[in-house]
């Protein structure tokens, strides 16, 4: 029978960003090894919004499925559902409301990139956004690096200040609001952008030292968080999956259209995690990670959610 797991059910499980990081890291390892399948997700556009379908298979775990995201008809944040199947029996194991676990995996993907693409002692961050996703991005970074200070810029000064006060207390680090976007990037080792911007919020000329840029917000072809100079100055450009980046990577697509980048310069995070590709010298290099979120991440989170819910007797059985 299929287990229905709601958002309220997920909140009762021992799942959070910390638990998600090794799960997501393992999916990138499987991707690098060639034991996971993640075709580019498909978006059907509507006049207002879109419907998105992302299939994936984790062959080692014998789990497959898809995430369906319905973001249209006036829904402010949309509705996401993970459909999980057993690859041996063909049984549909679970239908899971995916808001919380998607938030965990998004933050975990950035944390994995930071773990492999920044110095082990990196302690400073420039963060663009003070929204809900920004909370998870900052927490994820603190779980893999000894972060002591974060400089935050967002357009709304009041929300920015509230975010910094709240996250300082929550994480026990110095989280400070800055008044200009330039100031957020000044003299930091890691920069994270996680906005809904259509036009760039980060300019390459603001980056004053070698470091890592994590672009986690723009996942449509027409959206850009970075200007072309950020892309041009990168010694290493990494994406979570290249074929998906060819469809959704607005930051890279503009640089390619302008003749300033070619796809043979772009690597996949799975190859970094498996050690097939070694990162450059962190002390001298500019590195860019372009993240869109993968269905294999969603399926790994769904499988763990199902396993925990079954063990705890949480969820409702459905006869389909």
C-alpha atoms as a PDB file:
ATOM      1  CA  UNK A   1       0.000   0.000   0.000  1.00  0.00           C
ATOM      2  CA  UNK A   2       1.013   3.603  -0.629  1.00  0.00           C
ATOM      3  CA  UNK A   3       1.839   5.808   2.338  1.00  0.00           C
ATOM      4  CA  UNK A   4       0.569   9.395   2.272  1.00  0.00           C
ATOM      5  CA  UNK A   5       2.961  11.646   4.189  1.00  0.00           C
ATOM      6  CA  UNK A   6       1.795  15.229   4.728  1.00  0.00           C
ATOM      7  CA  UNK A   7       3.802  18.310   5.720  1.00  0.00           C
ATOM      8  CA  UNK A   8       2.583  17.887   9.297  1.00  0.00           C
ATOM      9  CA  UNK A   9       3.841  14.312   9.231  1.00  0.00           C
ATOM     10  CA  UNK A  10       7.246  15.454   7.944  1.00  0.00           C
ATOM     11  CA  UNK A  11       7.559  17.920  10.828  1.00  0.00           C
ATOM     12  CA  UNK A  12       7.260  15.009  13.278  1.00  0.00           C
ATOM     13  CA  UNK A  13      10.196  13.141  11.743  1.00  0.00           C
ATOM     14  CA  UNK A  14      13.918  13.547  12.618  1.00  0.00           C
ATOM     15  CA  UNK A  15      14.598  15.368   9.352  1.00  0.00           C
ATOM     16  CA  UNK A  16      16.424  18.662   8.966  1.00  0.00           C
ATOM     17  CA  UNK A  17      19.221  20.231   6.951  1.00  0.00           C
ATOM     18  CA  UNK A  18      21.897  18.413   8.956  1.00  0.00           C
ATOM     19  CA  UNK A  19      20.278  15.055   8.174  1.00  0.00           C
ATOM     20  CA  UNK A  20      19.849  16.020   4.517  1.00  0.00           C
ATOM     21  CA  UNK A  21      23.504  16.847   3.810  1.00  0.00           C
ATOM     22  CA  UNK A  22      24.866  13.248   3.746  1.00  0.00           C
ATOM     23  CA  UNK A  23      21.816  12.082   1.765  1.00  0.00           C
ATOM     24  CA  UNK A  24      22.318  14.737  -0.888  1.00  0.00           C
ATOM     25  CA  UNK A  25      26.086  14.215  -0.903  1.00  0.00           C
ATOM     26  CA  UNK A  26      25.490  10.539  -1.626  1.00  0.00           C
ATOM     27  CA  UNK A  27      23.235  11.368  -4.591  1.00  0.00           C
ATOM     28  CA  UNK A  28      26.011  13.468  -6.110  1.00  0.00           C
ATOM     29  CA  UNK A  29      28.426  10.592  -5.522  1.00  0.00           C
ATOM     30  CA  UNK A  30      26.052   8.203  -7.291  1.00  0.00           C
ATOM     31  CA  UNK A  31      25.696  10.700 -10.128  1.00  0.00           C
ATOM     32  CA  UNK A  32      29.469  10.842 -10.478  1.00  0.00           C
ATOM     33  CA  UNK A  33      29.674   7.045 -10.432  1.00  0.00           C
ATOM     34  CA  UNK A  34      26.953   6.710 -13.062  1.00  0.00           C
ATOM     35  CA  UNK A  35      24.525   4.804 -10.822  1.00  0.00           C
ATOM     36  CA  UNK A  36      21.860   7.520 -10.756  1.00  0.00           C
ATOM     37  CA  UNK A  37      19.688   8.873 -13.551  1.00  0.00           C
ATOM     38  CA  UNK A  38      18.493  12.460 -13.619  1.00  0.00           C
ATOM     39  CA  UNK A  39      17.101  13.656 -16.976  1.00  0.00           C
ATOM     40  CA  UNK A  40      16.370  17.390 -17.198  1.00  0.00           C
ATOM     41  CA  UNK A  41      13.062  18.231 -15.600  1.00  0.00           C
ATOM     42  CA  UNK A  42      10.257  19.455 -17.823  1.00  0.00           C
ATOM     43  CA  UNK A  43       8.284  22.642 -17.286  1.00  0.00           C
ATOM     44  CA  UNK A  44       4.917  23.282 -18.886  1.00  0.00           C
ATOM     45  CA  UNK A  45       4.384  27.064 -18.868  1.00  0.00           C
ATOM     46  CA  UNK A  46       1.016  28.660 -18.138  1.00  0.00           C
ATOM     47  CA  UNK A  47      -0.115  32.245 -18.462  1.00  0.00           C
ATOM     48  CA  UNK A  48       0.488  32.587 -14.736  1.00  0.00           C
ATOM     49  CA  UNK A  49       2.954  30.009 -13.479  1.00  0.00           C
ATOM     50  CA  UNK A  50       4.004  26.556 -14.611  1.00  0.00           C
ATOM     51  CA  UNK A  51       3.784  22.830 -13.912  1.00  0.00           C
ATOM     52  CA  UNK A  52       7.074  20.999 -13.439  1.00  0.00           C
ATOM     53  CA  UNK A  53       7.912  17.298 -13.701  1.00  0.00           C
ATOM     54  CA  UNK A  54      11.257  15.882 -12.549  1.00  0.00           C
ATOM     55  CA  UNK A  55      11.936  12.112 -12.753  1.00  0.00           C
ATOM     56  CA  UNK A  56      14.954  10.305 -11.291  1.00  0.00           C
ATOM     57  CA  UNK A  57      16.280   6.852 -10.403  1.00  0.00           C
ATOM     58  CA  UNK A  58      18.740   5.811  -7.685  1.00  0.00           C
ATOM     59  CA  UNK A  59      19.799   2.365  -8.877  1.00  0.00           C
ATOM     60  CA  UNK A  60      21.911   1.460  -5.840  1.00  0.00           C
ATOM     61  CA  UNK A  61      18.974   2.204  -3.553  1.00  0.00           C
ATOM     62  CA  UNK A  62      16.424   0.587  -5.906  1.00  0.00           C
ATOM     63  CA  UNK A  63      14.235   3.658  -5.669  1.00  0.00           C
ATOM     64  CA  UNK A  64      12.797   5.780  -8.454  1.00  0.00           C
ATOM     65  CA  UNK A  65      10.098   8.360  -8.850  1.00  0.00           C
ATOM     66  CA  UNK A  66       9.363  11.938  -9.687  1.00  0.00           C
ATOM     67  CA  UNK A  67       8.550  15.295  -8.199  1.00  0.00           C
ATOM     68  CA  UNK A  68       5.512  17.138  -9.512  1.00  0.00           C
ATOM     69  CA  UNK A  69       5.359  20.857  -8.820  1.00  0.00           C
ATOM     70  CA  UNK A  70       2.171  22.788  -9.588  1.00  0.00           C
ATOM     71  CA  UNK A  71       2.778  26.525  -9.454  1.00  0.00           C
ATOM     72  CA  UNK A  72      -0.195  28.160 -11.145  1.00  0.00           C
ATOM     73  CA  UNK A  73      -3.782  29.202 -10.596  1.00  0.00           C
ATOM     74  CA  UNK A  74      -2.953  31.836  -8.018  1.00  0.00           C
ATOM     75  CA  UNK A  75      -1.056  29.594  -5.574  1.00  0.00           C
ATOM     76  CA  UNK A  76       1.559  31.867  -3.998  1.00  0.00           C
ATOM     77  CA  UNK A  77       4.206  29.219  -3.388  1.00  0.00           C
ATOM     78  CA  UNK A  78       2.810  26.348  -5.435  1.00  0.00           C
ATOM     79  CA  UNK A  79       2.289  22.746  -4.412  1.00  0.00           C
ATOM     80  CA  UNK A  80       4.964  20.065  -4.603  1.00  0.00           C
ATOM     81  CA  UNK A  81       4.570  16.296  -4.321  1.00  0.00           C
ATOM     82  CA  UNK A  82       7.110  13.474  -4.419  1.00  0.00           C
ATOM     83  CA  UNK A  83       6.005  10.125  -5.879  1.00  0.00           C
ATOM     84  CA  UNK A  84       8.299   7.298  -4.703  1.00  0.00           C
ATOM     85  CA  UNK A  85       8.449   3.790  -6.262  1.00  0.00           C
ATOM     86  CA  UNK A  86      10.199   0.500  -5.530  1.00  0.00           C
ATOM     87  CA  UNK A  87      12.262  -0.364  -8.616  1.00  0.00           C
ATOM     88  CA  UNK A  88      12.008  -4.127  -8.043  1.00  0.00           C
ATOM     89  CA  UNK A  89       8.285  -4.524  -7.377  1.00  0.00           C
ATOM     90  CA  UNK A  90       7.019  -1.444  -9.209  1.00  0.00           C
ATOM     91  CA  UNK A  91       4.968  -0.561  -6.121  1.00  0.00           C
ATOM     92  CA  UNK A  92       4.231   3.069  -5.408  1.00  0.00           C
ATOM     93  CA  UNK A  93       5.628   3.364  -1.896  1.00  0.00           C
ATOM     94  CA  UNK A  94       4.725   6.907  -0.966  1.00  0.00           C
ATOM     95  CA  UNK A  95       3.098  10.165  -1.923  1.00  0.00           C
ATOM     96  CA  UNK A  96       4.812  12.926   0.029  1.00  0.00           C
ATOM     97  CA  UNK A  97       4.007  16.604   0.382  1.00  0.00           C
ATOM     98  CA  UNK A  98       7.413  18.038  -0.415  1.00  0.00           C
ATOM     99  CA  UNK A  99       7.712  21.628   0.841  1.00  0.00           C
ATOM    100  CA  UNK A 100       9.869  20.925   3.893  1.00  0.00           C
ATOM    101  CA  UNK A 101      12.022  18.194   2.437  1.00  0.00           C
ATOM    102  CA  UNK A 102      12.607  20.319  -0.686  1.00  0.00           C
ATOM    103  CA  UNK A 103      13.794  23.170   1.520  1.00  0.00           C
ATOM    104  CA  UNK A 104      16.166  20.801   3.315  1.00  0.00           C
ATOM    105  CA  UNK A 105      17.622  19.389   0.079  1.00  0.00           C
ATOM    106  CA  UNK A 106      18.091  22.839  -1.483  1.00  0.00           C
ATOM    107  CA  UNK A 107      20.159  23.970   1.495  1.00  0.00           C
ATOM    108  CA  UNK A 108      21.978  20.633   1.625  1.00  0.00           C
ATOM    109  CA  UNK A 109      23.025  20.860  -2.040  1.00  0.00           C
ATOM    110  CA  UNK A 110      24.695  24.203  -1.409  1.00  0.00           C
ATOM    111  CA  UNK A 111      26.309  22.825   1.753  1.00  0.00           C
ATOM    112  CA  UNK A 112      27.792  19.915  -0.207  1.00  0.00           C
ATOM    113  CA  UNK A 113      29.191  22.343  -2.783  1.00  0.00           C
ATOM    114  CA  UNK A 114      30.683  24.483  -0.013  1.00  0.00           C
ATOM    115  CA  UNK A 115      32.215  21.376   1.584  1.00  0.00           C
ATOM    116  CA  UNK A 116      34.046  20.429  -1.626  1.00  0.00           C
ATOM    117  CA  UNK A 117      34.676  23.819  -3.234  1.00  0.00           C
ATOM    118  CA  UNK A 118      35.844  26.094  -0.407  1.00  0.00           C
ATOM    119  CA  UNK A 119      38.752  26.068   2.068  1.00  0.00           C
ATOM    120  CA  UNK A 120      38.116  23.976   5.201  1.00  0.00           C
ATOM    121  CA  UNK A 121      38.714  27.050   7.362  1.00  0.00           C
ATOM    122  CA  UNK A 122      36.418  29.414   5.424  1.00  0.00           C
ATOM    123  CA  UNK A 123      34.667  31.580   8.000  1.00  0.00           C
ATOM    124  CA  UNK A 124      33.008  34.524   6.188  1.00  0.00           C
ATOM    125  CA  UNK A 125      29.942  34.694   3.965  1.00  0.00           C
ATOM    126  CA  UNK A 126      28.200  37.314   1.878  1.00  0.00           C
ATOM    127  CA  UNK A 127      24.509  36.455   1.549  1.00  0.00           C
ATOM    128  CA  UNK A 128      22.014  37.940  -0.891  1.00  0.00           C
ATOM    129  CA  UNK A 129      18.435  37.477   0.403  1.00  0.00           C
ATOM    130  CA  UNK A 130      16.732  37.453   3.772  1.00  0.00           C
ATOM    131  CA  UNK A 131      13.919  35.078   2.871  1.00  0.00           C
ATOM    132  CA  UNK A 132      13.077  31.545   3.978  1.00  0.00           C
ATOM    133  CA  UNK A 133      15.531  29.889   1.635  1.00  0.00           C
ATOM    134  CA  UNK A 134      18.299  32.188   2.868  1.00  0.00           C
ATOM    135  CA  UNK A 135      17.829  30.819   6.378  1.00  0.00           C
ATOM    136  CA  UNK A 136      18.536  27.283   5.206  1.00  0.00           C
ATOM    137  CA  UNK A 137      21.459  28.338   3.024  1.00  0.00           C
ATOM    138  CA  UNK A 138      23.187  30.034   5.941  1.00  0.00           C
ATOM    139  CA  UNK A 139      22.483  27.170   8.316  1.00  0.00           C
ATOM    140  CA  UNK A 140      23.789  24.626   5.801  1.00  0.00           C
ATOM    141  CA  UNK A 141      27.006  26.581   5.332  1.00  0.00           C
ATOM    142  CA  UNK A 142      27.531  26.713   9.101  1.00  0.00           C
ATOM    143  CA  UNK A 143      27.169  22.930   9.298  1.00  0.00           C
ATOM    144  CA  UNK A 144      30.112  22.294   6.955  1.00  0.00           C
ATOM    145  CA  UNK A 145      32.375  25.296   7.628  1.00  0.00           C
ATOM    146  CA  UNK A 146      33.377  27.240  10.783  1.00  0.00           C
ATOM    147  CA  UNK A 147      31.429  30.346   9.778  1.00  0.00           C
ATOM    148  CA  UNK A 148      31.816  33.229  12.218  1.00  0.00           C
ATOM    149  CA  UNK A 149      30.434  36.182  10.223  1.00  0.00           C
ATOM    150  CA  UNK A 150      27.798  36.693   7.520  1.00  0.00           C
ATOM    151  CA  UNK A 151      27.101  39.955   5.685  1.00  0.00           C
ATOM    152  CA  UNK A 152      23.521  40.104   4.419  1.00  0.00           C
ATOM    153  CA  UNK A 153      21.920  42.274   1.781  1.00  0.00           C
ATOM    154  CA  UNK A 154      18.295  42.272   0.657  1.00  0.00           C
ATOM    155  CA  UNK A 155      16.090  45.022  -0.722  1.00  0.00           C
ATOM    156  CA  UNK A 156      13.867  45.419   2.354  1.00  0.00           C
ATOM    157  CA  UNK A 157      15.918  46.976   5.168  1.00  0.00           C
ATOM    158  CA  UNK A 158      13.439  46.044   7.894  1.00  0.00           C
ATOM    159  CA  UNK A 159      13.283  42.377   6.880  1.00  0.00           C
ATOM    160  CA  UNK A 160      17.054  42.346   6.462  1.00  0.00           C
ATOM    161  CA  UNK A 161      17.621  43.591  10.004  1.00  0.00           C
ATOM    162  CA  UNK A 162      15.088  41.151  11.457  1.00  0.00           C
ATOM    163  CA  UNK A 163      16.687  38.255   9.572  1.00  0.00           C
ATOM    164  CA  UNK A 164      20.143  39.109  10.896  1.00  0.00           C
ATOM    165  CA  UNK A 165      18.954  39.419  14.485  1.00  0.00           C
ATOM    166  CA  UNK A 166      17.074  36.129  14.309  1.00  0.00           C
ATOM    167  CA  UNK A 167      19.861  34.165  12.599  1.00  0.00           C
ATOM    168  CA  UNK A 168      22.566  35.533  14.906  1.00  0.00           C
ATOM    169  CA  UNK A 169      20.633  34.177  17.878  1.00  0.00           C
ATOM    170  CA  UNK A 170      19.841  30.896  16.162  1.00  0.00           C
ATOM    171  CA  UNK A 171      23.322  30.088  14.835  1.00  0.00           C
ATOM    172  CA  UNK A 172      25.499  31.808  17.433  1.00  0.00           C
ATOM    173  CA  UNK A 173      27.496  33.764  14.841  1.00  0.00           C
ATOM    174  CA  UNK A 174      27.741  37.396  13.766  1.00  0.00           C
ATOM    175  CA  UNK A 175      25.106  38.055  11.118  1.00  0.00           C
ATOM    176  CA  UNK A 176      25.120  41.700  10.084  1.00  0.00           C
ATOM    177  CA  UNK A 177      22.938  43.679   7.667  1.00  0.00           C
ATOM    178  CA  UNK A 178      24.680  45.804   5.044  1.00  0.00           C
ATOM    179  CA  UNK A 179      23.147  48.757   3.265  1.00  0.00           C
ATOM    180  CA  UNK A 180      24.425  48.110  -0.266  1.00  0.00           C
ATOM    181  CA  UNK A 181      24.795  44.988  -2.428  1.00  0.00           C
ATOM    182  CA  UNK A 182      28.485  45.785  -2.945  1.00  0.00           C
ATOM    183  CA  UNK A 183      29.126  45.570   0.808  1.00  0.00           C
ATOM    184  CA  UNK A 184      27.777  42.024   1.101  1.00  0.00           C
ATOM    185  CA  UNK A 185      30.489  40.663  -1.207  1.00  0.00           C
ATOM    186  CA  UNK A 186      33.364  42.645   0.260  1.00  0.00           C
ATOM    187  CA  UNK A 187      36.286  40.559   1.596  1.00  0.00           C
ATOM    188  CA  UNK A 188      34.398  37.273   2.152  1.00  0.00           C
ATOM    189  CA  UNK A 189      35.400  33.723   1.256  1.00  0.00           C
ATOM    190  CA  UNK A 190      31.945  32.497   0.227  1.00  0.00           C
ATOM    191  CA  UNK A 191      29.117  34.393  -1.493  1.00  0.00           C
ATOM    192  CA  UNK A 192      25.614  32.905  -1.691  1.00  0.00           C
ATOM    193  CA  UNK A 193      22.816  34.284  -3.861  1.00  0.00           C
ATOM    194  CA  UNK A 194      19.366  32.800  -3.299  1.00  0.00           C
ATOM    195  CA  UNK A 195      16.949  35.338  -4.777  1.00  0.00           C
ATOM    196  CA  UNK A 196      14.081  35.455  -7.241  1.00  0.00           C
ATOM    197  CA  UNK A 197      15.894  38.116  -9.267  1.00  0.00           C
ATOM    198  CA  UNK A 198      15.530  38.334 -13.027  1.00  0.00           C
ATOM    199  CA  UNK A 199      18.442  40.768 -13.307  1.00  0.00           C
ATOM    200  CA  UNK A 200      21.855  40.387 -11.611  1.00  0.00           C
ATOM    201  CA  UNK A 201      22.199  41.127  -7.898  1.00  0.00           C
ATOM    202  CA  UNK A 202      25.930  40.302  -7.784  1.00  0.00           C
ATOM    203  CA  UNK A 203      28.582  41.946  -9.975  1.00  0.00           C
ATOM    204  CA  UNK A 204      32.010  40.470 -10.554  1.00  0.00           C
ATOM    205  CA  UNK A 205      33.755  43.754  -9.810  1.00  0.00           C
ATOM    206  CA  UNK A 206      32.550  43.553  -6.197  1.00  0.00           C
ATOM    207  CA  UNK A 207      34.434  40.314  -5.518  1.00  0.00           C
ATOM    208  CA  UNK A 208      37.655  41.468  -3.918  1.00  0.00           C
ATOM    209  CA  UNK A 209      39.401  38.153  -3.195  1.00  0.00           C
ATOM    210  CA  UNK A 210      39.525  34.536  -4.423  1.00  0.00           C
ATOM    211  CA  UNK A 211      36.581  32.509  -3.216  1.00  0.00           C
ATOM    212  CA  UNK A 212      33.423  30.537  -3.942  1.00  0.00           C
ATOM    213  CA  UNK A 213      30.171  31.916  -5.341  1.00  0.00           C
ATOM    214  CA  UNK A 214      27.086  29.733  -4.835  1.00  0.00           C
ATOM    215  CA  UNK A 215      24.241  30.781  -7.142  1.00  0.00           C
ATOM    216  CA  UNK A 216      21.204  28.952  -5.764  1.00  0.00           C
ATOM    217  CA  UNK A 217      18.262  31.116  -6.786  1.00  0.00           C
ATOM    218  CA  UNK A 218      18.010  31.424 -10.580  1.00  0.00           C
ATOM    219  CA  UNK A 219      16.579  28.218 -12.058  1.00  0.00           C
ATOM    220  CA  UNK A 220      14.856  29.539 -15.183  1.00  0.00           C
ATOM    221  CA  UNK A 221      16.596  30.372 -18.463  1.00  0.00           C
ATOM    222  CA  UNK A 222      15.541  34.034 -18.240  1.00  0.00           C
ATOM    223  CA  UNK A 223      16.651  34.607 -14.617  1.00  0.00           C
ATOM    224  CA  UNK A 224      20.087  35.884 -13.653  1.00  0.00           C
ATOM    225  CA  UNK A 225      21.544  36.537 -10.215  1.00  0.00           C
ATOM    226  CA  UNK A 226      25.094  37.079 -11.525  1.00  0.00           C
ATOM    227  CA  UNK A 227      26.476  39.418 -14.129  1.00  0.00           C
ATOM    228  CA  UNK A 228      28.677  37.957 -16.855  1.00  0.00           C
ATOM    229  CA  UNK A 229      31.855  39.163 -15.114  1.00  0.00           C
ATOM    230  CA  UNK A 230      31.239  36.732 -12.216  1.00  0.00           C
ATOM    231  CA  UNK A 231      31.154  33.888 -14.739  1.00  0.00           C
ATOM    232  CA  UNK A 232      34.157  35.151 -16.727  1.00  0.00           C
ATOM    233  CA  UNK A 233      36.450  35.426 -13.695  1.00  0.00           C
ATOM    234  CA  UNK A 234      35.759  31.872 -12.474  1.00  0.00           C
ATOM    235  CA  UNK A 235      38.688  29.458 -12.725  1.00  0.00           C
ATOM    236  CA  UNK A 236      36.275  26.558 -12.147  1.00  0.00           C
ATOM    237  CA  UNK A 237      32.552  26.470 -12.931  1.00  0.00           C
ATOM    238  CA  UNK A 238      30.523  23.622 -11.434  1.00  0.00           C
ATOM    239  CA  UNK A 239      26.846  22.744 -11.854  1.00  0.00           C
ATOM    240  CA  UNK A 240      24.802  20.069 -10.149  1.00  0.00           C
ATOM    241  CA  UNK A 241      23.969  18.549 -13.560  1.00  0.00           C
ATOM    242  CA  UNK A 242      25.066  19.873 -16.949  1.00  0.00           C
ATOM    243  CA  UNK A 243      22.058  18.892 -19.078  1.00  0.00           C
ATOM    244  CA  UNK A 244      19.704  20.580 -16.656  1.00  0.00           C
ATOM    245  CA  UNK A 245      21.933  23.655 -16.611  1.00  0.00           C
ATOM    246  CA  UNK A 246      21.640  23.826 -20.410  1.00  0.00           C
ATOM    247  CA  UNK A 247      17.890  24.317 -19.931  1.00  0.00           C
ATOM    248  CA  UNK A 248      17.677  26.361 -16.720  1.00  0.00           C
ATOM    249  CA  UNK A 249      21.054  28.003 -16.084  1.00  0.00           C
ATOM    250  CA  UNK A 250      20.278  31.612 -16.896  1.00  0.00           C
ATOM    251  CA  UNK A 251      23.546  32.830 -15.366  1.00  0.00           C
ATOM    252  CA  UNK A 252      25.550  30.607 -17.701  1.00  0.00           C
ATOM    253  CA  UNK A 253      23.298  30.808 -20.759  1.00  0.00           C
ATOM    254  CA  UNK A 254      23.792  34.563 -21.056  1.00  0.00           C
ATOM    255  CA  UNK A 255      27.594  34.200 -20.902  1.00  0.00           C
ATOM    256  CA  UNK A 256      27.458  31.449 -23.533  1.00  0.00           C
ATOM    257  CA  UNK A 257      25.209  33.534 -25.794  1.00  0.00           C
ATOM    258  CA  UNK A 258      27.719  36.395 -25.524  1.00  0.00           C
ATOM    259  CA  UNK A 259      30.597  34.077 -26.484  1.00  0.00           C
ATOM    260  CA  UNK A 260      32.291  34.391 -23.082  1.00  0.00           C
ATOM    261  CA  UNK A 261      31.823  30.787 -21.975  1.00  0.00           C
ATOM    262  CA  UNK A 262      31.645  27.329 -23.576  1.00  0.00           C
ATOM    263  CA  UNK A 263      30.108  24.210 -22.048  1.00  0.00           C
ATOM    264  CA  UNK A 264      33.407  22.336 -22.091  1.00  0.00           C
ATOM    265  CA  UNK A 265      34.524  24.612 -19.243  1.00  0.00           C
ATOM    266  CA  UNK A 266      31.625  23.503 -17.045  1.00  0.00           C
ATOM    267  CA  UNK A 267      31.987  20.534 -14.662  1.00  0.00           C
ATOM    268  CA  UNK A 268      29.472  18.563 -12.581  1.00  0.00           C
ATOM    269  CA  UNK A 269      29.486  18.362  -8.787  1.00  0.00           C
ATOM    270  CA  UNK A 270      29.297  14.566  -8.897  1.00  0.00           C
ATOM    271  CA  UNK A 271      32.728  14.463 -10.533  1.00  0.00           C
ATOM    272  CA  UNK A 272      34.127  16.661  -7.752  1.00  0.00           C
ATOM    273  CA  UNK A 273      32.581  14.513  -4.997  1.00  0.00           C
ATOM    274  CA  UNK A 274      33.974  11.280  -6.470  1.00  0.00           C
ATOM    275  CA  UNK A 275      37.420  12.852  -6.877  1.00  0.00           C
ATOM    276  CA  UNK A 276      37.435  12.454 -10.648  1.00  0.00           C
ATOM    277  CA  UNK A 277      38.062  16.189 -10.913  1.00  0.00           C
ATOM    278  CA  UNK A 278      40.186  17.971  -8.315  1.00  0.00           C
ATOM    279  CA  UNK A 279      39.331  21.576  -7.409  1.00  0.00           C
ATOM    280  CA  UNK A 280      42.009  24.225  -7.963  1.00  0.00           C
ATOM    281  CA  UNK A 281      44.062  25.904  -5.249  1.00  0.00           C
ATOM    282  CA  UNK A 282      41.455  27.609  -3.039  1.00  0.00           C
ATOM    283  CA  UNK A 283      43.879  30.345  -2.010  1.00  0.00           C
ATOM    284  CA  UNK A 284      44.283  31.535  -5.604  1.00  0.00           C
ATOM    285  CA  UNK A 285      41.079  30.519  -7.388  1.00  0.00           C
ATOM    286  CA  UNK A 286      37.633  31.875  -8.113  1.00  0.00           C
ATOM    287  CA  UNK A 287      35.032  29.107  -8.169  1.00  0.00           C
ATOM    288  CA  UNK A 288      31.375  29.279  -9.207  1.00  0.00           C
ATOM    289  CA  UNK A 289      28.714  26.716  -8.291  1.00  0.00           C
ATOM    290  CA  UNK A 290      25.458  27.046 -10.219  1.00  0.00           C
ATOM    291  CA  UNK A 291      22.691  25.104  -8.462  1.00  0.00           C
ATOM    292  CA  UNK A 292      19.220  24.234  -9.746  1.00  0.00           C
ATOM    293  CA  UNK A 293      18.237  21.294  -7.539  1.00  0.00           C
ATOM    294  CA  UNK A 294      18.012  17.772  -8.889  1.00  0.00           C
ATOM    295  CA  UNK A 295      15.279  15.152  -8.863  1.00  0.00           C
ATOM    296  CA  UNK A 296      17.804  12.600  -7.530  1.00  0.00           C
ATOM    297  CA  UNK A 297      18.101  14.850  -4.461  1.00  0.00           C
ATOM    298  CA  UNK A 298      14.315  14.868  -4.162  1.00  0.00           C
ATOM    299  CA  UNK A 299      14.107  11.077  -4.467  1.00  0.00           C
ATOM    300  CA  UNK A 300      16.821  10.535  -1.842  1.00  0.00           C
ATOM    301  CA  UNK A 301      14.938  12.806   0.555  1.00  0.00           C
ATOM    302  CA  UNK A 302      11.650  11.084  -0.287  1.00  0.00           C
ATOM    303  CA  UNK A 303      13.152   7.629   0.333  1.00  0.00           C
ATOM    304  CA  UNK A 304      14.506   8.673   3.731  1.00  0.00           C
ATOM    305  CA  UNK A 305      11.210  10.316   4.643  1.00  0.00           C
ATOM    306  CA  UNK A 306       9.354   7.122   3.748  1.00  0.00           C
ATOM    307  CA  UNK A 307      11.789   4.966   5.735  1.00  0.00           C
ATOM    308  CA  UNK A 308      11.466   7.151   8.852  1.00  0.00           C
ATOM    309  CA  UNK A 309       7.689   7.446   8.575  1.00  0.00           C
ATOM    310  CA  UNK A 310       7.272   3.665   8.233  1.00  0.00           C
ATOM    311  CA  UNK A 311       9.465   3.052  11.270  1.00  0.00           C
ATOM    312  CA  UNK A 312       7.569   5.610  13.367  1.00  0.00           C
ATOM    313  CA  UNK A 313       4.083   4.594  12.215  1.00  0.00           C
ATOM    314  CA  UNK A 314       3.491   8.051  10.764  1.00  0.00           C
ATOM    315  CA  UNK A 315       1.389   8.715   7.657  1.00  0.00           C
ATOM    316  CA  UNK A 316      -1.827   7.306   6.232  1.00  0.00           C
ATOM    317  CA  UNK A 317      -2.177   4.165   4.116  1.00  0.00           C
ATOM    318  CA  UNK A 318      -3.850   4.599   0.735  1.00  0.00           C
ATOM    319  CA  UNK A 319      -5.278   1.889  -1.500  1.00  0.00           C
ATOM    320  CA  UNK A 320      -4.601   2.958  -5.067  1.00  0.00           C
END
